[in-house]
Amino acid sequence: MAKKILIMGLPDSGKTTLAKLLAPMFNAVLLNEDEVRKEANDWDFSEMGRSIQTNRMKRLADEAIQNNRNVIADFDCSIEHTREDLNADYIIYMDTIKESKLEPPSNFDFKVTHKDAQMFSFLIKQEILDKLKGLGPHD
């Protein structure tokens, strides 16, 4: 069964770098928030704009899941209800921006504490394989 993985955090926290390493490890569709906004030509970051973007990301992720594809969503998801709306099976929190005033999320599966995507990609891959079923080629 296909799974949805969310990599969330502030801009410049390393989400995309990590996502690009993890996506091929799970043969996953990579949904990058900026690329999805670019495709929609929608750069509205108001509360309503963020809600629309969340719905867009959820729709694209759910379509991939329905086609039995794993999904990695590279998405800031800084508001709790947007994370809930996305309904990810596994959440990676990029806590690499130390001067942030953003309140950390209350629910995540793995916390990345510094920018070392190469190392963290292998640690996360193993944890995901141990924790979730249906991501490997024979599951």
N, C-alpha and C. Protein backbone atom coordinates (compact mmCIF):
# COMPACT_ATOMS: atom_id res chain seq x y z
N MET A 1 0.84 -1.18 0.00
CA MET A 1 0.00 0.00 0.00
C MET A 1 0.89 1.25 0.00
N ALA A 2 0.58 2.18 -0.86
CA ALA A 2 1.36 3.41 -1.00
C ALA A 2 1.19 4.30 0.23
N LYS A 3 2.23 5.08 0.52
CA LYS A 3 2.25 5.94 1.70
C LYS A 3 2.57 7.38 1.32
N LYS A 4 2.13 8.28 2.20
CA LYS A 4 2.35 9.71 2.03
C LYS A 4 3.30 10.20 3.12
N ILE A 5 4.43 10.77 2.69
CA ILE A 5 5.45 11.28 3.61
C ILE A 5 5.50 12.80 3.46
N LEU A 6 5.43 13.51 4.56
CA LEU A 6 5.50 14.96 4.57
C LEU A 6 6.84 15.40 5.14
N ILE A 7 7.55 16.26 4.40
CA ILE A 7 8.74 16.92 4.92
C ILE A 7 8.34 18.38 5.10
N MET A 8 8.26 18.80 6.37
CA MET A 8 7.76 20.15 6.66
C MET A 8 8.79 20.94 7.44
N GLY A 9 8.72 22.26 7.26
CA GLY A 9 9.63 23.17 7.95
C GLY A 9 9.64 24.52 7.25
N LEU A 10 10.38 25.43 7.82
CA LEU A 10 10.47 26.78 7.27
C LEU A 10 11.22 26.80 5.94
N PRO A 11 11.03 27.88 5.15
CA PRO A 11 11.83 28.05 3.94
C PRO A 11 13.32 28.01 4.29
N ASP A 12 14.10 27.41 3.43
CA ASP A 12 15.56 27.27 3.58
C ASP A 12 15.97 26.33 4.70
N SER A 13 15.06 25.48 5.17
CA SER A 13 15.42 24.53 6.22
C SER A 13 16.04 23.25 5.67
N GLY A 14 15.98 23.06 4.35
CA GLY A 14 16.57 21.87 3.73
C GLY A 14 15.55 20.84 3.28
N LYS A 15 14.29 21.21 3.23
CA LYS A 15 13.23 20.27 2.85
C LYS A 15 13.45 19.67 1.46
N THR A 16 13.69 20.53 0.50
CA THR A 16 13.80 20.07 -0.89
C THR A 16 15.04 19.20 -1.08
N THR A 17 16.14 19.57 -0.48
CA THR A 17 17.36 18.77 -0.60
C THR A 17 17.12 17.36 -0.06
N LEU A 18 16.49 17.26 1.11
CA LEU A 18 16.19 15.96 1.69
C LEU A 18 15.17 15.20 0.84
N ALA A 19 14.15 15.89 0.38
CA ALA A 19 13.11 15.25 -0.43
C ALA A 19 13.68 14.65 -1.70
N LYS A 20 14.62 15.36 -2.34
CA LYS A 20 15.23 14.86 -3.58
C LYS A 20 16.06 13.61 -3.34
N LEU A 21 16.60 13.46 -2.14
CA LEU A 21 17.34 12.23 -1.81
C LEU A 21 16.40 11.08 -1.46
N LEU A 22 15.32 11.38 -0.73
CA LEU A 22 14.40 10.33 -0.30
C LEU A 22 13.50 9.80 -1.41
N ALA A 23 13.08 10.66 -2.32
CA ALA A 23 12.11 10.25 -3.35
C ALA A 23 12.57 9.02 -4.13
N PRO A 24 13.79 8.97 -4.65
CA PRO A 24 14.18 7.76 -5.38
C PRO A 24 14.33 6.53 -4.48
N MET A 25 14.61 6.73 -3.20
CA MET A 25 14.75 5.60 -2.28
C MET A 25 13.44 4.85 -2.13
N PHE A 26 12.32 5.55 -2.31
CA PHE A 26 11.00 4.94 -2.17
C PHE A 26 10.21 4.93 -3.48
N ASN A 27 10.91 5.22 -4.59
CA ASN A 27 10.23 5.31 -5.88
C ASN A 27 8.97 6.18 -5.74
N ALA A 28 9.16 7.34 -5.12
CA ALA A 28 8.03 8.20 -4.76
C ALA A 28 7.86 9.36 -5.72
N VAL A 29 6.63 9.78 -5.87
CA VAL A 29 6.31 11.02 -6.55
C VAL A 29 6.74 12.15 -5.61
N LEU A 30 7.48 13.11 -6.12
CA LEU A 30 7.92 14.24 -5.31
C LEU A 30 7.04 15.44 -5.62
N LEU A 31 6.36 15.94 -4.60
CA LEU A 31 5.53 17.14 -4.73
C LEU A 31 6.23 18.26 -3.99
N ASN A 32 6.80 19.18 -4.73
CA ASN A 32 7.48 20.33 -4.16
C ASN A 32 6.50 21.50 -4.15
N GLU A 33 6.33 22.10 -2.98
CA GLU A 33 5.37 23.19 -2.82
C GLU A 33 5.59 24.31 -3.84
N ASP A 34 6.83 24.72 -4.05
CA ASP A 34 7.12 25.82 -4.98
C ASP A 34 6.79 25.43 -6.41
N GLU A 35 7.10 24.19 -6.80
CA GLU A 35 6.79 23.75 -8.16
C GLU A 35 5.28 23.66 -8.39
N VAL A 36 4.55 23.23 -7.37
CA VAL A 36 3.09 23.15 -7.49
C VAL A 36 2.50 24.55 -7.59
N ARG A 37 3.02 25.49 -6.80
CA ARG A 37 2.55 26.89 -6.89
C ARG A 37 2.90 27.47 -8.27
N LYS A 38 4.09 27.18 -8.75
CA LYS A 38 4.52 27.69 -10.06
C LYS A 38 3.59 27.17 -11.16
N GLU A 39 3.29 25.88 -11.11
CA GLU A 39 2.39 25.27 -12.10
C GLU A 39 1.00 25.93 -12.07
N ALA A 40 0.53 26.26 -10.86
CA ALA A 40 -0.79 26.89 -10.70
C ALA A 40 -0.73 28.40 -10.88
N ASN A 41 0.48 28.95 -11.01
CA ASN A 41 0.70 30.40 -11.08
C ASN A 41 -0.03 31.09 -9.92
N ASP A 42 0.21 30.58 -8.72
CA ASP A 42 -0.47 31.07 -7.52
C ASP A 42 0.55 31.30 -6.41
N TRP A 43 0.85 32.56 -6.13
CA TRP A 43 1.83 32.93 -5.10
C TRP A 43 1.16 33.66 -3.94
N ASP A 44 -0.10 33.32 -3.67
CA ASP A 44 -0.87 33.92 -2.58
C ASP A 44 -0.53 33.19 -1.28
N PHE A 45 0.09 33.91 -0.33
CA PHE A 45 0.47 33.32 0.94
C PHE A 45 -0.42 33.78 2.09
N SER A 46 -1.60 34.33 1.76
CA SER A 46 -2.57 34.69 2.79
C SER A 46 -3.11 33.39 3.41
N GLU A 47 -3.89 33.52 4.47
CA GLU A 47 -4.51 32.35 5.10
C GLU A 47 -5.32 31.56 4.07
N MET A 48 -6.09 32.27 3.24
CA MET A 48 -6.89 31.61 2.20
C MET A 48 -5.97 30.97 1.16
N GLY A 49 -4.92 31.68 0.75
CA GLY A 49 -3.99 31.15 -0.23
C GLY A 49 -3.30 29.89 0.26
N ARG A 50 -2.94 29.87 1.54
CA ARG A 50 -2.31 28.67 2.13
C ARG A 50 -3.29 27.50 2.16
N SER A 51 -4.54 27.80 2.44
CA SER A 51 -5.56 26.75 2.45
C SER A 51 -5.75 26.16 1.05
N ILE A 52 -5.78 27.02 0.06
CA ILE A 52 -5.91 26.55 -1.33
C ILE A 52 -4.70 25.70 -1.71
N GLN A 53 -3.51 26.14 -1.31
CA GLN A 53 -2.29 25.38 -1.62
C GLN A 53 -2.30 24.02 -0.91
N THR A 54 -2.76 23.99 0.32
CA THR A 54 -2.86 22.72 1.03
C THR A 54 -3.80 21.77 0.31
N ASN A 55 -4.95 22.28 -0.13
CA ASN A 55 -5.91 21.44 -0.86
C ASN A 55 -5.31 20.95 -2.17
N ARG A 56 -4.55 21.80 -2.84
CA ARG A 56 -3.89 21.43 -4.09
C ARG A 56 -2.87 20.30 -3.84
N MET A 57 -2.05 20.48 -2.81
CA MET A 57 -1.04 19.46 -2.49
C MET A 57 -1.71 18.14 -2.08
N LYS A 58 -2.79 18.23 -1.29
CA LYS A 58 -3.50 17.03 -0.86
C LYS A 58 -4.11 16.31 -2.06
N ARG A 59 -4.71 17.07 -2.97
CA ARG A 59 -5.32 16.44 -4.15
C ARG A 59 -4.28 15.71 -4.98
N LEU A 60 -3.14 16.36 -5.23
CA LEU A 60 -2.08 15.74 -6.02
C LEU A 60 -1.50 14.50 -5.32
N ALA A 61 -1.32 14.60 -4.01
CA ALA A 61 -0.81 13.46 -3.25
C ALA A 61 -1.81 12.30 -3.28
N ASP A 62 -3.08 12.61 -3.07
CA ASP A 62 -4.11 11.56 -3.06
C ASP A 62 -4.24 10.89 -4.43
N GLU A 63 -4.08 11.67 -5.50
CA GLU A 63 -4.12 11.08 -6.85
C GLU A 63 -2.97 10.08 -7.03
N ALA A 64 -1.79 10.45 -6.57
CA ALA A 64 -0.65 9.54 -6.67
C ALA A 64 -0.88 8.28 -5.83
N ILE A 65 -1.40 8.45 -4.64
CA ILE A 65 -1.68 7.30 -3.75
C ILE A 65 -2.70 6.37 -4.42
N GLN A 66 -3.73 6.95 -5.05
CA GLN A 66 -4.73 6.13 -5.74
C GLN A 66 -4.11 5.35 -6.89
N ASN A 67 -3.01 5.86 -7.44
CA ASN A 67 -2.29 5.16 -8.50
C ASN A 67 -1.18 4.27 -7.93
N ASN A 68 -1.29 3.99 -6.63
CA ASN A 68 -0.37 3.11 -5.91
C ASN A 68 1.08 3.60 -5.95
N ARG A 69 1.24 4.93 -5.85
CA ARG A 69 2.58 5.54 -5.81
C ARG A 69 2.80 6.15 -4.44
N ASN A 70 3.98 5.92 -3.89
CA ASN A 70 4.37 6.62 -2.67
C ASN A 70 4.54 8.09 -3.01
N VAL A 71 4.34 8.95 -2.02
CA VAL A 71 4.43 10.39 -2.22
C VAL A 71 5.33 11.00 -1.15
N ILE A 72 6.19 11.91 -1.58
CA ILE A 72 6.92 12.75 -0.66
C ILE A 72 6.50 14.18 -0.95
N ALA A 73 5.86 14.81 0.04
CA ALA A 73 5.40 16.19 -0.09
C ALA A 73 6.38 17.09 0.65
N ASP A 74 7.02 17.96 -0.08
CA ASP A 74 7.99 18.93 0.42
C ASP A 74 7.21 20.24 0.55
N PHE A 75 6.78 20.54 1.80
CA PHE A 75 5.74 21.55 1.99
C PHE A 75 5.93 22.18 3.36
N ASP A 76 5.94 23.52 3.45
CA ASP A 76 6.25 24.14 4.75
C ASP A 76 5.24 23.77 5.83
N CYS A 77 3.97 23.71 5.52
CA CYS A 77 2.95 23.21 6.45
C CYS A 77 3.13 23.74 7.87
N SER A 78 3.32 25.05 8.00
CA SER A 78 3.61 25.63 9.30
C SER A 78 2.38 25.77 10.20
N ILE A 79 1.21 25.56 9.66
CA ILE A 79 -0.03 25.66 10.44
C ILE A 79 -0.55 24.25 10.73
N GLU A 80 -0.85 23.99 11.99
CA GLU A 80 -1.23 22.64 12.44
C GLU A 80 -2.34 22.02 11.58
N HIS A 81 -3.39 22.79 11.32
CA HIS A 81 -4.51 22.19 10.57
C HIS A 81 -4.12 21.85 9.13
N THR A 82 -3.11 22.52 8.55
CA THR A 82 -2.70 22.13 7.19
C THR A 82 -2.01 20.78 7.22
N ARG A 83 -1.25 20.50 8.28
CA ARG A 83 -0.62 19.18 8.42
C ARG A 83 -1.69 18.12 8.58
N GLU A 84 -2.69 18.42 9.39
CA GLU A 84 -3.78 17.47 9.59
C GLU A 84 -4.52 17.22 8.28
N ASP A 85 -4.77 18.30 7.53
CA ASP A 85 -5.49 18.17 6.25
C ASP A 85 -4.72 17.30 5.26
N LEU A 86 -3.41 17.43 5.25
CA LEU A 86 -2.60 16.64 4.31
C LEU A 86 -2.66 15.16 4.64
N ASN A 87 -2.84 14.83 5.92
CA ASN A 87 -3.03 13.45 6.37
C ASN A 87 -1.88 12.53 5.95
N ALA A 88 -0.67 12.93 6.32
CA ALA A 88 0.52 12.14 5.98
C ALA A 88 0.65 10.92 6.89
N ASP A 89 1.25 9.87 6.34
CA ASP A 89 1.52 8.67 7.12
C ASP A 89 2.78 8.82 7.98
N TYR A 90 3.65 9.73 7.55
CA TYR A 90 4.94 9.93 8.24
C TYR A 90 5.33 11.39 8.06
N ILE A 91 5.69 12.06 9.16
CA ILE A 91 6.03 13.49 9.11
C ILE A 91 7.46 13.70 9.57
N ILE A 92 8.23 14.38 8.72
CA ILE A 92 9.60 14.77 9.02
C ILE A 92 9.59 16.27 9.27
N TYR A 93 10.06 16.66 10.45
CA TYR A 93 10.10 18.06 10.84
C TYR A 93 11.53 18.57 10.70
N MET A 94 11.73 19.56 9.83
CA MET A 94 13.04 20.16 9.60
C MET A 94 13.23 21.31 10.60
N ASP A 95 13.89 21.02 11.69
CA ASP A 95 14.14 22.01 12.75
C ASP A 95 15.59 22.50 12.62
N THR A 96 15.89 23.13 11.49
CA THR A 96 17.27 23.57 11.21
C THR A 96 17.44 25.08 11.23
N ILE A 97 16.35 25.81 11.38
CA ILE A 97 16.40 27.28 11.44
C ILE A 97 16.27 27.67 12.91
N LYS A 98 17.37 27.93 13.54
CA LYS A 98 17.38 28.13 15.00
C LYS A 98 16.82 29.47 15.43
N GLU A 99 16.89 30.50 14.58
CA GLU A 99 16.40 31.82 14.98
C GLU A 99 14.90 31.99 14.76
N SER A 100 14.22 30.93 14.44
CA SER A 100 12.79 30.97 14.17
C SER A 100 11.98 31.20 15.44
N LYS A 101 10.91 31.96 15.29
CA LYS A 101 9.95 32.17 16.37
C LYS A 101 8.74 31.24 16.22
N LEU A 102 8.77 30.42 15.18
CA LEU A 102 7.68 29.50 14.90
C LEU A 102 7.58 28.44 15.99
N GLU A 103 6.37 28.21 16.47
CA GLU A 103 6.15 27.16 17.45
C GLU A 103 6.31 25.80 16.76
N PRO A 104 7.11 24.91 17.35
CA PRO A 104 7.32 23.61 16.71
C PRO A 104 6.02 22.80 16.65
N PRO A 105 5.92 21.93 15.67
CA PRO A 105 4.72 21.10 15.58
C PRO A 105 4.63 20.15 16.77
N SER A 106 3.42 19.81 17.14
CA SER A 106 3.22 18.91 18.27
C SER A 106 3.30 17.44 17.85
N ASN A 107 3.17 17.17 16.56
CA ASN A 107 3.13 15.79 16.10
C ASN A 107 4.04 15.62 14.89
N PHE A 108 5.07 14.81 15.04
CA PHE A 108 5.94 14.46 13.92
C PHE A 108 6.61 13.13 14.25
N ASP A 109 7.16 12.48 13.24
CA ASP A 109 7.79 11.18 13.42
C ASP A 109 9.32 11.27 13.51
N PHE A 110 9.90 12.25 12.83
CA PHE A 110 11.36 12.38 12.82
C PHE A 110 11.71 13.86 12.79
N LYS A 111 12.67 14.25 13.62
CA LYS A 111 13.11 15.64 13.69
C LYS A 111 14.54 15.75 13.17
N VAL A 112 14.72 16.55 12.13
CA VAL A 112 16.04 16.82 11.57
C VAL A 112 16.55 18.08 12.25
N THR A 113 17.72 17.99 12.88
CA THR A 113 18.21 19.09 13.71
C THR A 113 19.30 19.93 13.07
N HIS A 114 19.89 19.44 11.99
CA HIS A 114 20.89 20.23 11.28
C HIS A 114 20.95 19.77 9.83
N LYS A 115 21.54 20.61 9.00
CA LYS A 115 21.56 20.34 7.55
C LYS A 115 22.66 19.35 7.19
N ASP A 116 22.24 18.09 7.09
CA ASP A 116 23.10 17.01 6.60
C ASP A 116 22.18 16.00 5.93
N ALA A 117 21.66 16.39 4.78
CA ALA A 117 20.63 15.61 4.09
C ALA A 117 21.11 14.20 3.76
N GLN A 118 22.37 14.06 3.40
CA GLN A 118 22.91 12.75 3.05
C GLN A 118 22.77 11.79 4.23
N MET A 119 23.23 12.21 5.39
CA MET A 119 23.15 11.36 6.58
C MET A 119 21.70 11.11 6.99
N PHE A 120 20.92 12.18 7.07
CA PHE A 120 19.55 12.03 7.53
C PHE A 120 18.70 11.20 6.56
N SER A 121 18.98 11.26 5.27
CA SER A 121 18.19 10.48 4.32
C SER A 121 18.30 8.99 4.63
N PHE A 122 19.49 8.52 4.96
CA PHE A 122 19.65 7.09 5.27
C PHE A 122 19.02 6.73 6.62
N LEU A 123 19.16 7.60 7.61
CA LEU A 123 18.53 7.34 8.91
C LEU A 123 17.01 7.30 8.78
N ILE A 124 16.47 8.26 8.05
CA ILE A 124 15.02 8.34 7.86
C ILE A 124 14.52 7.16 7.04
N LYS A 125 15.24 6.81 6.00
CA LYS A 125 14.84 5.66 5.17
C LYS A 125 14.69 4.42 6.03
N GLN A 126 15.68 4.14 6.87
CA GLN A 126 15.61 2.94 7.69
C GLN A 126 14.46 3.00 8.68
N GLU A 127 14.26 4.16 9.30
CA GLU A 127 13.15 4.28 10.25
C GLU A 127 11.81 4.11 9.55
N ILE A 128 11.66 4.70 8.39
CA ILE A 128 10.40 4.56 7.65
C ILE A 128 10.15 3.11 7.27
N LEU A 129 11.18 2.44 6.79
CA LEU A 129 11.02 1.03 6.42
C LEU A 129 10.65 0.18 7.64
N ASP A 130 11.22 0.52 8.79
CA ASP A 130 10.90 -0.22 10.01
C ASP A 130 9.48 0.09 10.50
N LYS A 131 9.05 1.33 10.31
CA LYS A 131 7.79 1.80 10.88
C LYS A 131 6.58 1.57 9.96
N LEU A 132 6.79 1.79 8.68
CA LEU A 132 5.67 1.70 7.73
C LEU A 132 5.86 0.50 6.81
N LYS A 133 4.80 -0.15 6.50
CA LYS A 133 4.83 -1.23 5.53
C LYS A 133 4.28 -0.71 4.21
N GLY A 134 4.64 -1.34 3.13
CA GLY A 134 4.09 -0.98 1.84
C GLY A 134 4.95 -0.01 1.06
N LEU A 135 6.18 0.24 1.49
CA LEU A 135 7.03 1.19 0.76
C LEU A 135 8.08 0.49 -0.09
N GLY A 136 8.36 -0.74 0.22
CA GLY A 136 9.40 -1.46 -0.52
C GLY A 136 8.86 -2.09 -1.79
N PRO A 137 9.76 -2.55 -2.66
CA PRO A 137 9.33 -3.12 -3.95
C PRO A 137 8.55 -4.42 -3.80
N HIS A 138 8.68 -5.11 -2.66
CA HIS A 138 8.00 -6.40 -2.51
C HIS A 138 6.93 -6.41 -1.43
N ASP A 139 6.61 -5.23 -0.91
CA ASP A 139 5.60 -5.14 0.16
C ASP A 139 4.20 -5.12 -0.40
